[in-house]
Each structure stands twice: as C-alpha cells, then as structure tokens.
C-alpha cells in the first residue's frame, strides 16, 4: 500500500532521549476503508480507493454516491482517494487500513491544501524586501520595475506580482515519522504540513529521498 488519508490535528513537540526538542505535526491517520479495488484486466492498473472514516459521516449522500458505497458494503465517507498497489496485493472492498502501515523513521510525502491568505502584495506573497522606510520615500511595499521600456515592451509571463495567496494543493516531501501511536491512529511527523487544523491530508511513502 502506497499510503492513506488523514486529518491534521495540530503541532506540538516531543523530546528525544538526549533531551532534544523535536517539532512535530500530529496527524489522525486513518482508519480508512477500501471502497473499491481496481485491477489491470478491467481498469488497466492496480490500485485501491480508500475512504477516510470520520466521526461525522455525510448526512445526505446523493444516489450515485450511495450506490457506490453500497456496492462495496461500507458506510459513505466524505473523502476518497486512490493509492497504487502491487499486482499481487490481496486488498478487497471492506478491508481496513490503519496507521500501522508506517513505522518510525519512515519518510513520507504529505499532500494538503495550504491556508488561504486572500489577495496579498509581493512582500507577503513572495518575500520582497520593499523600499526605504524613510520620510518622503513614497516607495515602501511596491514591487518596483516589472519590465523594460522599448525592448521587449512587455511584462514577462511568470513575473512575481501581487495576487491570490494560498488555498492551493501543496506537497511537502521527505518528512520523517518520529512516533506512531497505533491505539489512537496518530502519526507524529517531524516538521510542518500544509493546511489548517482538521484539514484533510494525503500521506504516501516518499518517492525520493
């Protein structure tokens, strides 16, 4: 199994045996249920569709969604995602996937939606230094020159400018798992992950690193 779904609980710190403080993000990883098993003869690839089990299931799922979950024999969930598996893996609809899928010192990539910051200027959005703060400057937080005059007489695509910040799919790679709490389905991952508290996350094994 390549990974599973989870929700961000928040950040804290834990201490190693030598007293070093390690900043960690606590993730409610699973439990997840296999909703659909995809196989090469029918679908062209090997994968499973996982649904994240939560305390508050969807109240009024529409008819196609209800039929999809009913065929699998599992209760409807709010979040679904696919994960690739090996061709010989014996996963089937209704199987449960827990955080025991990972162990301490495993490296994972975590995908989430970053916090939305709204429309922001270049200093906050891109980290520009800004102009002088002295009296009469009249150039404090502006981006400055964004193009040339006669040649090429245009602004290049991709120029860093003010605009919508955050609220996008973000991947943080190669985060190390510091602790696994199988009883409460919690993963303690070193560092920060995208999104607010209770935000949905996709946790998968690191592809590089």
C-alpha atoms as a PDB file:
ATOM      1  CA  UNK A   1       0.000   0.000   0.000  1.00  0.00           C
ATOM      2  CA  UNK A   2       1.383   3.367  -1.025  1.00  0.00           C
ATOM      3  CA  UNK A   3      -0.355   5.470   1.639  1.00  0.00           C
ATOM      4  CA  UNK A   4      -3.597   6.505   3.325  1.00  0.00           C
ATOM      5  CA  UNK A   5      -5.752   9.508   4.217  1.00  0.00           C
ATOM      6  CA  UNK A   6      -5.709  11.573   7.387  1.00  0.00           C
ATOM      7  CA  UNK A   7      -6.520  14.869   9.090  1.00  0.00           C
ATOM      8  CA  UNK A   8      -4.212  17.423  10.668  1.00  0.00           C
ATOM      9  CA  UNK A   9      -4.641  17.603  14.452  1.00  0.00           C
ATOM     10  CA  UNK A  10      -2.075  20.288  15.223  1.00  0.00           C
ATOM     11  CA  UNK A  11       1.578  20.871  16.151  1.00  0.00           C
ATOM     12  CA  UNK A  12       3.494  20.110  19.337  1.00  0.00           C
ATOM     13  CA  UNK A  13       6.960  18.997  20.352  1.00  0.00           C
ATOM     14  CA  UNK A  14       8.386  15.786  21.725  1.00  0.00           C
ATOM     15  CA  UNK A  15      11.735  15.176  23.400  1.00  0.00           C
ATOM     16  CA  UNK A  16      14.351  12.617  22.419  1.00  0.00           C
ATOM     17  CA  UNK A  17      16.374  10.577  24.904  1.00  0.00           C
ATOM     18  CA  UNK A  18      19.161  13.183  24.934  1.00  0.00           C
ATOM     19  CA  UNK A  19      16.674  15.989  25.696  1.00  0.00           C
ATOM     20  CA  UNK A  20      16.469  17.490  22.204  1.00  0.00           C
ATOM     21  CA  UNK A  21      13.097  19.091  21.407  1.00  0.00           C
ATOM     22  CA  UNK A  22      11.694  17.934  18.068  1.00  0.00           C
ATOM     23  CA  UNK A  23       8.821  19.942  16.470  1.00  0.00           C
ATOM     24  CA  UNK A  24       6.185  17.551  15.158  1.00  0.00           C
ATOM     25  CA  UNK A  25       2.797  17.657  13.474  1.00  0.00           C
ATOM     26  CA  UNK A  26       0.190  15.260  14.848  1.00  0.00           C
ATOM     27  CA  UNK A  27      -1.881  13.587  12.119  1.00  0.00           C
ATOM     28  CA  UNK A  28      -5.004  11.473  12.593  1.00  0.00           C
ATOM     29  CA  UNK A  29      -4.016   8.844  10.023  1.00  0.00           C
ATOM     30  CA  UNK A  30      -7.000   6.633   9.265  1.00  0.00           C
ATOM     31  CA  UNK A  31      -8.654   4.348   9.853  1.00  0.00           C
ATOM     32  CA  UNK A  32      -9.520   4.023   6.174  1.00  0.00           C
ATOM     33  CA  UNK A  33     -11.744   1.510   4.413  1.00  0.00           C
ATOM     34  CA  UNK A  34     -11.172   0.031   0.978  1.00  0.00           C
ATOM     35  CA  UNK A  35     -14.154   1.184  -1.099  1.00  0.00           C
ATOM     36  CA  UNK A  36     -13.055  -0.160  -4.481  1.00  0.00           C
ATOM     37  CA  UNK A  37     -10.364  -2.491  -5.792  1.00  0.00           C
ATOM     38  CA  UNK A  38      -9.081  -1.699  -9.257  1.00  0.00           C
ATOM     39  CA  UNK A  39      -7.300  -4.391 -11.282  1.00  0.00           C
ATOM     40  CA  UNK A  40      -5.360  -4.437 -14.542  1.00  0.00           C
ATOM     41  CA  UNK A  41      -7.757  -6.642 -16.581  1.00  0.00           C
ATOM     42  CA  UNK A  42     -10.694  -4.273 -16.031  1.00  0.00           C
ATOM     43  CA  UNK A  43      -9.199  -0.870 -15.197  1.00  0.00           C
ATOM     44  CA  UNK A  44      -5.729  -1.031 -16.733  1.00  0.00           C
ATOM     45  CA  UNK A  45      -3.815  -0.555 -13.466  1.00  0.00           C
ATOM     46  CA  UNK A  46      -3.612  -1.837  -9.889  1.00  0.00           C
ATOM     47  CA  UNK A  47      -4.978   0.435  -7.154  1.00  0.00           C
ATOM     48  CA  UNK A  48      -7.389   0.717  -4.262  1.00  0.00           C
ATOM     49  CA  UNK A  49      -9.831   3.520  -3.485  1.00  0.00           C
ATOM     50  CA  UNK A  50      -9.759   4.442   0.196  1.00  0.00           C
ATOM     51  CA  UNK A  51     -12.390   6.309   2.213  1.00  0.00           C
ATOM     52  CA  UNK A  52     -11.474   8.092   5.451  1.00  0.00           C
ATOM     53  CA  UNK A  53     -13.633   7.040   8.416  1.00  0.00           C
ATOM     54  CA  UNK A  54     -14.720  10.077  10.474  1.00  0.00           C
ATOM     55  CA  UNK A  55     -16.900  10.822  13.487  1.00  0.00           C
ATOM     56  CA  UNK A  56     -19.384  12.732  11.309  1.00  0.00           C
ATOM     57  CA  UNK A  57     -20.255  10.838   8.112  1.00  0.00           C
ATOM     58  CA  UNK A  58     -22.079  12.649   5.260  1.00  0.00           C
ATOM     59  CA  UNK A  59     -25.753  13.124   6.139  1.00  0.00           C
ATOM     60  CA  UNK A  60     -27.333  13.108   2.697  1.00  0.00           C
ATOM     61  CA  UNK A  61     -25.125  11.438   0.050  1.00  0.00           C
ATOM     62  CA  UNK A  62     -26.604  11.577  -3.440  1.00  0.00           C
ATOM     63  CA  UNK A  63     -27.871   8.483  -5.241  1.00  0.00           C
ATOM     64  CA  UNK A  64     -24.706   7.646  -7.280  1.00  0.00           C
ATOM     65  CA  UNK A  65     -22.522   8.054  -4.188  1.00  0.00           C
ATOM     66  CA  UNK A  66     -24.825   5.866  -2.089  1.00  0.00           C
ATOM     67  CA  UNK A  67     -24.796   3.169  -4.770  1.00  0.00           C
ATOM     68  CA  UNK A  68     -21.008   3.254  -4.993  1.00  0.00           C
ATOM     69  CA  UNK A  69     -20.601   2.660  -1.252  1.00  0.00           C
ATOM     70  CA  UNK A  70     -23.456   0.159  -1.103  1.00  0.00           C
ATOM     71  CA  UNK A  71     -21.766  -2.000  -3.748  1.00  0.00           C
ATOM     72  CA  UNK A  72     -18.654  -2.075  -1.547  1.00  0.00           C
ATOM     73  CA  UNK A  73     -20.662  -2.811   1.598  1.00  0.00           C
ATOM     74  CA  UNK A  74     -19.209   0.129   3.552  1.00  0.00           C
ATOM     75  CA  UNK A  75     -20.700   3.302   5.038  1.00  0.00           C
ATOM     76  CA  UNK A  76     -20.370   6.520   2.964  1.00  0.00           C
ATOM     77  CA  UNK A  77     -17.355   8.732   3.683  1.00  0.00           C
ATOM     78  CA  UNK A  78     -16.614  12.369   2.914  1.00  0.00           C
ATOM     79  CA  UNK A  79     -13.154  11.810   1.476  1.00  0.00           C
ATOM     80  CA  UNK A  80     -11.963   9.354  -1.180  1.00  0.00           C
ATOM     81  CA  UNK A  81      -8.565   8.863  -2.753  1.00  0.00           C
ATOM     82  CA  UNK A  82      -6.751   6.258  -4.827  1.00  0.00           C
ATOM     83  CA  UNK A  83      -3.442   4.613  -3.984  1.00  0.00           C
ATOM     84  CA  UNK A  84      -1.398   2.350  -6.218  1.00  0.00           C
ATOM     85  CA  UNK A  85      -0.621  -1.170  -5.018  1.00  0.00           C
ATOM     86  CA  UNK A  86       1.402  -4.136  -6.249  1.00  0.00           C
ATOM     87  CA  UNK A  87      -0.293  -6.548  -8.617  1.00  0.00           C
ATOM     88  CA  UNK A  88      -0.093  -9.392  -6.090  1.00  0.00           C
ATOM     89  CA  UNK A  89      -1.608  -7.439  -3.183  1.00  0.00           C
ATOM     90  CA  UNK A  90      -4.775  -9.049  -1.810  1.00  0.00           C
ATOM     91  CA  UNK A  91      -6.781  -5.972  -0.835  1.00  0.00           C
ATOM     92  CA  UNK A  92     -10.555  -6.138  -1.248  1.00  0.00           C
ATOM     93  CA  UNK A  93     -13.562  -3.888  -0.568  1.00  0.00           C
ATOM     94  CA  UNK A  94     -14.260  -3.534   3.139  1.00  0.00           C
ATOM     95  CA  UNK A  95     -10.674  -4.075   4.338  1.00  0.00           C
ATOM     96  CA  UNK A  96      -9.394  -1.620   6.938  1.00  0.00           C
ATOM     97  CA  UNK A  97      -6.134   0.316   6.608  1.00  0.00           C
ATOM     98  CA  UNK A  98      -4.581   1.859   9.727  1.00  0.00           C
ATOM     99  CA  UNK A  99      -1.538   3.949  10.582  1.00  0.00           C
ATOM    100  CA  UNK A 100       0.386   0.735  11.335  1.00  0.00           C
ATOM    101  CA  UNK A 101       1.094   0.865   7.605  1.00  0.00           C
ATOM    102  CA  UNK A 102       4.023   3.142   8.562  1.00  0.00           C
ATOM    103  CA  UNK A 103       6.734   2.759  11.170  1.00  0.00           C
ATOM    104  CA  UNK A 104       9.190   5.049  12.976  1.00  0.00           C
ATOM    105  CA  UNK A 105      11.909   6.591  10.752  1.00  0.00           C
ATOM    106  CA  UNK A 106       9.892   6.055   7.569  1.00  0.00           C
ATOM    107  CA  UNK A 107       9.904   9.029   5.183  1.00  0.00           C
ATOM    108  CA  UNK A 108       6.629  10.279   3.733  1.00  0.00           C
ATOM    109  CA  UNK A 109       5.303  12.915   1.331  1.00  0.00           C
ATOM    110  CA  UNK A 110       2.255  14.783   2.647  1.00  0.00           C
ATOM    111  CA  UNK A 111      -0.238  16.497   0.342  1.00  0.00           C
ATOM    112  CA  UNK A 112      -2.765  19.067   1.557  1.00  0.00           C
ATOM    113  CA  UNK A 113      -4.414  22.379   0.723  1.00  0.00           C
ATOM    114  CA  UNK A 114      -2.475  25.373   2.027  1.00  0.00           C
ATOM    115  CA  UNK A 115      -4.155  28.030   4.138  1.00  0.00           C
ATOM    116  CA  UNK A 116      -5.884  30.684   2.036  1.00  0.00           C
ATOM    117  CA  UNK A 117      -4.482  34.176   2.645  1.00  0.00           C
ATOM    118  CA  UNK A 118      -6.579  36.098   0.122  1.00  0.00           C
ATOM    119  CA  UNK A 119      -5.159  38.807  -2.166  1.00  0.00           C
ATOM    120  CA  UNK A 120      -1.678  39.762  -0.944  1.00  0.00           C
ATOM    121  CA  UNK A 121       1.153  42.025  -2.059  1.00  0.00           C
ATOM    122  CA  UNK A 122       4.609  40.992  -3.184  1.00  0.00           C
ATOM    123  CA  UNK A 123       6.248  41.404   0.223  1.00  0.00           C
ATOM    124  CA  UNK A 124       3.997  38.842   1.898  1.00  0.00           C
ATOM    125  CA  UNK A 125       3.394  36.658  -1.149  1.00  0.00           C
ATOM    126  CA  UNK A 126       6.953  36.437  -2.495  1.00  0.00           C
ATOM    127  CA  UNK A 127       9.130  37.822   0.290  1.00  0.00           C
ATOM    128  CA  UNK A 128      10.237  41.029  -1.465  1.00  0.00           C
ATOM    129  CA  UNK A 129      12.325  43.393   0.658  1.00  0.00           C
ATOM    130  CA  UNK A 130      10.355  46.548  -0.141  1.00  0.00           C
ATOM    131  CA  UNK A 131      11.638  50.104  -0.494  1.00  0.00           C
ATOM    132  CA  UNK A 132      13.146  52.514   2.025  1.00  0.00           C
ATOM    133  CA  UNK A 133      11.065  53.333   5.092  1.00  0.00           C
ATOM    134  CA  UNK A 134      12.352  56.909   5.317  1.00  0.00           C
ATOM    135  CA  UNK A 135      10.253  60.087   5.205  1.00  0.00           C
ATOM    136  CA  UNK A 136       9.273  61.109   1.691  1.00  0.00           C
ATOM    137  CA  UNK A 137      10.225  57.792   0.094  1.00  0.00           C
ATOM    138  CA  UNK A 138       6.759  57.034  -1.357  1.00  0.00           C
ATOM    139  CA  UNK A 139       8.062  53.538  -2.210  1.00  0.00           C
ATOM    140  CA  UNK A 140       7.533  51.175   0.694  1.00  0.00           C
ATOM    141  CA  UNK A 141       5.772  47.950  -0.343  1.00  0.00           C
ATOM    142  CA  UNK A 142       5.557  48.242  -4.142  1.00  0.00           C
ATOM    143  CA  UNK A 143       7.160  45.613  -6.417  1.00  0.00           C
ATOM    144  CA  UNK A 144       9.298  48.112  -8.342  1.00  0.00           C
ATOM    145  CA  UNK A 145      10.110  47.781 -12.036  1.00  0.00           C
ATOM    146  CA  UNK A 146       8.400  44.794 -13.665  1.00  0.00           C
ATOM    147  CA  UNK A 147       9.588  45.206 -17.278  1.00  0.00           C
ATOM    148  CA  UNK A 148      11.717  47.123 -19.749  1.00  0.00           C
ATOM    149  CA  UNK A 149      10.802  50.146 -21.843  1.00  0.00           C
ATOM    150  CA  UNK A 150      11.400  49.815 -25.588  1.00  0.00           C
ATOM    151  CA  UNK A 151      12.570  46.215 -25.610  1.00  0.00           C
ATOM    152  CA  UNK A 152      10.666  43.957 -25.077  1.00  0.00           C
ATOM    153  CA  UNK A 153       7.909  46.472 -24.174  1.00  0.00           C
ATOM    154  CA  UNK A 154       6.010  43.907 -22.177  1.00  0.00           C
ATOM    155  CA  UNK A 155       5.963  42.079 -18.859  1.00  0.00           C
ATOM    156  CA  UNK A 156       7.351  38.541 -18.987  1.00  0.00           C
ATOM    157  CA  UNK A 157       4.966  35.696 -18.070  1.00  0.00           C
ATOM    158  CA  UNK A 158       5.631  34.406 -14.574  1.00  0.00           C
ATOM    159  CA  UNK A 159       6.763  37.741 -13.154  1.00  0.00           C
ATOM    160  CA  UNK A 160       6.191  37.813  -9.404  1.00  0.00           C
ATOM    161  CA  UNK A 161       3.275  40.170  -8.742  1.00  0.00           C
ATOM    162  CA  UNK A 162       0.508  40.680  -6.149  1.00  0.00           C
ATOM    163  CA  UNK A 163      -2.321  38.165  -6.289  1.00  0.00           C
ATOM    164  CA  UNK A 164      -4.193  35.301  -4.638  1.00  0.00           C
ATOM    165  CA  UNK A 165      -2.058  33.612  -1.987  1.00  0.00           C
ATOM    166  CA  UNK A 166      -2.618  30.125  -0.570  1.00  0.00           C
ATOM    167  CA  UNK A 167      -5.584  27.829  -0.948  1.00  0.00           C
ATOM    168  CA  UNK A 168      -3.673  25.555  -3.339  1.00  0.00           C
ATOM    169  CA  UNK A 169      -2.658  21.902  -3.398  1.00  0.00           C
ATOM    170  CA  UNK A 170       0.738  21.708  -1.700  1.00  0.00           C
ATOM    171  CA  UNK A 171       3.148  18.798  -1.249  1.00  0.00           C
ATOM    172  CA  UNK A 172       5.813  18.659   1.466  1.00  0.00           C
ATOM    173  CA  UNK A 173       8.361  15.938   0.739  1.00  0.00           C
ATOM    174  CA  UNK A 174      10.615  13.687   2.799  1.00  0.00           C
ATOM    175  CA  UNK A 175       9.171  14.211   6.271  1.00  0.00           C
ATOM    176  CA  UNK A 176      10.376  11.706   8.863  1.00  0.00           C
ATOM    177  CA  UNK A 177       7.934   9.842  11.094  1.00  0.00           C
ATOM    178  CA  UNK A 178       9.104  10.280  14.698  1.00  0.00           C
ATOM    179  CA  UNK A 179       6.392   8.311  16.515  1.00  0.00           C
ATOM    180  CA  UNK A 180       3.459   6.027  15.695  1.00  0.00           C
ATOM    181  CA  UNK A 181       0.514   5.637  18.100  1.00  0.00           C
ATOM    182  CA  UNK A 182      -1.413   2.635  16.754  1.00  0.00           C
ATOM    183  CA  UNK A 183      -4.047   2.695  19.515  1.00  0.00           C
ATOM    184  CA  UNK A 184      -5.236   6.202  18.603  1.00  0.00           C
ATOM    185  CA  UNK A 185      -4.221   6.082  14.904  1.00  0.00           C
ATOM    186  CA  UNK A 186      -1.820   9.009  15.276  1.00  0.00           C
ATOM    187  CA  UNK A 187       1.327   9.775  13.321  1.00  0.00           C
ATOM    188  CA  UNK A 188       3.906  12.228  14.675  1.00  0.00           C
ATOM    189  CA  UNK A 189       5.764  13.722  11.709  1.00  0.00           C
ATOM    190  CA  UNK A 190       8.792  15.972  12.084  1.00  0.00           C
ATOM    191  CA  UNK A 191       8.128  19.487  10.751  1.00  0.00           C
ATOM    192  CA  UNK A 192       5.085  21.300   9.416  1.00  0.00           C
ATOM    193  CA  UNK A 193       2.490  20.126   6.906  1.00  0.00           C
ATOM    194  CA  UNK A 194       0.104  22.168   4.704  1.00  0.00           C
ATOM    195  CA  UNK A 195      -3.329  23.354   5.757  1.00  0.00           C
ATOM    196  CA  UNK A 196      -5.267  24.324   8.888  1.00  0.00           C
ATOM    197  CA  UNK A 197      -6.268  22.129  11.813  1.00  0.00           C
ATOM    198  CA  UNK A 198      -8.768  19.428  10.797  1.00  0.00           C
ATOM    199  CA  UNK A 199      -7.614  19.834   7.180  1.00  0.00           C
ATOM    200  CA  UNK A 200      -7.552  16.707   5.033  1.00  0.00           C
ATOM    201  CA  UNK A 201      -4.171  15.216   4.146  1.00  0.00           C
ATOM    202  CA  UNK A 202      -2.875  12.505   1.854  1.00  0.00           C
ATOM    203  CA  UNK A 203       0.054  10.595   3.345  1.00  0.00           C
ATOM    204  CA  UNK A 204       2.158   8.492   0.986  1.00  0.00           C
ATOM    205  CA  UNK A 205       5.567   6.894   1.055  1.00  0.00           C
ATOM    206  CA  UNK A 206       8.326   9.249  -0.087  1.00  0.00           C
ATOM    207  CA  UNK A 207       9.139   8.796  -3.758  1.00  0.00           C
ATOM    208  CA  UNK A 208      12.622  10.310  -3.462  1.00  0.00           C
ATOM    209  CA  UNK A 209      14.997  10.925  -0.622  1.00  0.00           C
END
